[in-house]
Amino acid sequence: MGYETDEMVQRMLREEFRERTVVAIAHRISTVLGYDRIAVMEGGRLVEFDAPKALWERKGGVFRMLYDKDGIDEGVFGLRRGV
């Protein structure tokens, strides 16, 4: 799935499931940045669980490491809003 298709799907989820709980499994950090909470799994175990910005603020955390590896700008936290 390309970036444009992913954006279209995320937009649809935000609009159509606004008042629902959505569980998403994603391999791109950018896909989950608009969610209220993120569960970070490593080796089948839950290692972090919090809001995207709170996870980003944990320097040395797994989410932050993946975030930095993807080279995503911090500005996305003000631009994306919940699914």
C-alpha atoms as a PDB file:
ATOM      1  CA  MET A   1       0.000   0.000   0.000  1.00  0.00           C
ATOM      2  CA  GLY A   2       1.455   3.354  -0.987  1.00  0.00           C
ATOM      3  CA  TYR A   3       1.608   6.512   1.108  1.00  0.00           C
ATOM      4  CA  GLU A   4      -1.410   8.097  -0.599  1.00  0.00           C
ATOM      5  CA  THR A   5      -3.534   4.981  -0.108  1.00  0.00           C
ATOM      6  CA  ASP A   6      -2.478   4.770   3.534  1.00  0.00           C
ATOM      7  CA  GLU A   7      -3.500   8.401   4.073  1.00  0.00           C
ATOM      8  CA  MET A   8      -6.883   7.733   2.458  1.00  0.00           C
ATOM      9  CA  VAL A   9      -7.496   4.702   4.702  1.00  0.00           C
ATOM     10  CA  GLN A  10      -6.443   6.619   7.834  1.00  0.00           C
ATOM     11  CA  ARG A  11      -8.750   9.514   6.924  1.00  0.00           C
ATOM     12  CA  MET A  12     -11.650   7.102   6.419  1.00  0.00           C
ATOM     13  CA  LEU A  13     -10.969   5.467   9.789  1.00  0.00           C
ATOM     14  CA  ARG A  14     -10.904   8.867  11.546  1.00  0.00           C
ATOM     15  CA  GLU A  15     -14.202   9.895   9.969  1.00  0.00           C
ATOM     16  CA  GLU A  16     -16.201   6.666   9.956  1.00  0.00           C
ATOM     17  CA  PHE A  17     -15.072   5.284  13.326  1.00  0.00           C
ATOM     18  CA  ARG A  18     -14.792   8.568  15.240  1.00  0.00           C
ATOM     19  CA  GLU A  19     -16.795   7.334  18.246  1.00  0.00           C
ATOM     20  CA  ARG A  20     -15.439   3.775  18.231  1.00  0.00           C
ATOM     21  CA  THR A  21     -12.420   1.916  19.536  1.00  0.00           C
ATOM     22  CA  VAL A  22     -10.036   0.998  16.733  1.00  0.00           C
ATOM     23  CA  VAL A  23      -7.219  -1.494  17.148  1.00  0.00           C
ATOM     24  CA  ALA A  24      -4.625  -1.247  14.390  1.00  0.00           C
ATOM     25  CA  ILE A  25      -1.485  -3.232  13.737  1.00  0.00           C
ATOM     26  CA  ALA A  26       0.952  -1.138  11.744  1.00  0.00           C
ATOM     27  CA  HIS A  27       4.472  -1.376  10.456  1.00  0.00           C
ATOM     28  CA  ARG A  28       4.821   2.376   9.833  1.00  0.00           C
ATOM     29  CA  ILE A  29       5.140   4.823  12.707  1.00  0.00           C
ATOM     30  CA  SER A  30       3.358   7.491  10.640  1.00  0.00           C
ATOM     31  CA  THR A  31       0.272   5.265  10.433  1.00  0.00           C
ATOM     32  CA  VAL A  32      -0.350   5.321  14.195  1.00  0.00           C
ATOM     33  CA  LEU A  33       0.659   8.872  15.125  1.00  0.00           C
ATOM     34  CA  GLY A  34      -2.956  10.051  15.093  1.00  0.00           C
ATOM     35  CA  TYR A  35      -4.193   7.375  17.495  1.00  0.00           C
ATOM     36  CA  ASP A  36      -4.943   8.169  21.148  1.00  0.00           C
ATOM     37  CA  ARG A  37      -2.701   5.427  22.532  1.00  0.00           C
ATOM     38  CA  ILE A  38       0.002   3.177  21.126  1.00  0.00           C
ATOM     39  CA  ALA A  39       1.045  -0.221  22.444  1.00  0.00           C
ATOM     40  CA  VAL A  40       4.645  -0.952  21.477  1.00  0.00           C
ATOM     41  CA  MET A  41       5.445  -4.643  21.280  1.00  0.00           C
ATOM     42  CA  GLU A  42       8.894  -6.190  21.209  1.00  0.00           C
ATOM     43  CA  GLY A  43       9.510  -9.920  21.084  1.00  0.00           C
ATOM     44  CA  GLY A  44       5.818 -10.550  21.732  1.00  0.00           C
ATOM     45  CA  ARG A  45       5.819  -8.477  24.918  1.00  0.00           C
ATOM     46  CA  LEU A  46       4.285  -5.101  25.673  1.00  0.00           C
ATOM     47  CA  VAL A  47       7.187  -2.733  26.337  1.00  0.00           C
ATOM     48  CA  GLU A  48       5.495   0.677  26.115  1.00  0.00           C
ATOM     49  CA  PHE A  49       1.947   2.016  26.180  1.00  0.00           C
ATOM     50  CA  ASP A  50       1.001   5.691  26.074  1.00  0.00           C
ATOM     51  CA  ALA A  51      -0.029   8.580  23.836  1.00  0.00           C
ATOM     52  CA  PRO A  52       2.214   9.078  20.779  1.00  0.00           C
ATOM     53  CA  LYS A  53       3.733  12.349  22.021  1.00  0.00           C
ATOM     54  CA  ALA A  54       4.413  10.892  25.492  1.00  0.00           C
ATOM     55  CA  LEU A  55       6.173   7.919  23.884  1.00  0.00           C
ATOM     56  CA  TRP A  56       8.165  10.290  21.680  1.00  0.00           C
ATOM     57  CA  GLU A  57       9.306  12.253  24.741  1.00  0.00           C
ATOM     58  CA  ARG A  58      10.888   9.092  26.262  1.00  0.00           C
ATOM     59  CA  LYS A  59      14.402   9.367  24.926  1.00  0.00           C
ATOM     60  CA  GLY A  60      15.875   5.890  24.789  1.00  0.00           C
ATOM     61  CA  GLY A  61      12.466   4.254  24.469  1.00  0.00           C
ATOM     62  CA  VAL A  62      11.582   1.753  21.747  1.00  0.00           C
ATOM     63  CA  PHE A  63       8.979   4.024  20.119  1.00  0.00           C
ATOM     64  CA  ARG A  64      11.409   6.965  20.081  1.00  0.00           C
ATOM     65  CA  MET A  65      14.112   4.783  18.534  1.00  0.00           C
ATOM     66  CA  LEU A  66      11.736   3.686  15.738  1.00  0.00           C
ATOM     67  CA  TYR A  67      10.492   7.244  15.311  1.00  0.00           C
ATOM     68  CA  ASP A  68      14.034   8.603  14.960  1.00  0.00           C
ATOM     69  CA  LYS A  69      14.958   5.798  12.554  1.00  0.00           C
ATOM     70  CA  ASP A  70      12.036   6.795  10.279  1.00  0.00           C
ATOM     71  CA  GLY A  71      13.210  10.428  10.330  1.00  0.00           C
ATOM     72  CA  ILE A  72       9.756  11.836  11.091  1.00  0.00           C
ATOM     73  CA  ASP A  73       9.611  15.486  12.128  1.00  0.00           C
ATOM     74  CA  GLU A  74       8.227  16.336  15.586  1.00  0.00           C
ATOM     75  CA  GLY A  75       5.771  18.726  13.923  1.00  0.00           C
ATOM     76  CA  VAL A  76       3.484  15.814  13.029  1.00  0.00           C
ATOM     77  CA  PHE A  77       2.107  15.810  16.566  1.00  0.00           C
ATOM     78  CA  GLY A  78       0.333  19.096  15.912  1.00  0.00           C
ATOM     79  CA  LEU A  79      -0.929  18.034  12.493  1.00  0.00           C
ATOM     80  CA  ARG A  80      -2.477  14.600  13.032  1.00  0.00           C
ATOM     81  CA  ARG A  81      -5.504  14.041  15.173  1.00  0.00           C
ATOM     82  CA  GLY A  82      -7.015  10.853  16.448  1.00  0.00           C
ATOM     83  CA  VAL A  83      -8.463   7.866  14.788  1.00  0.00           C
END
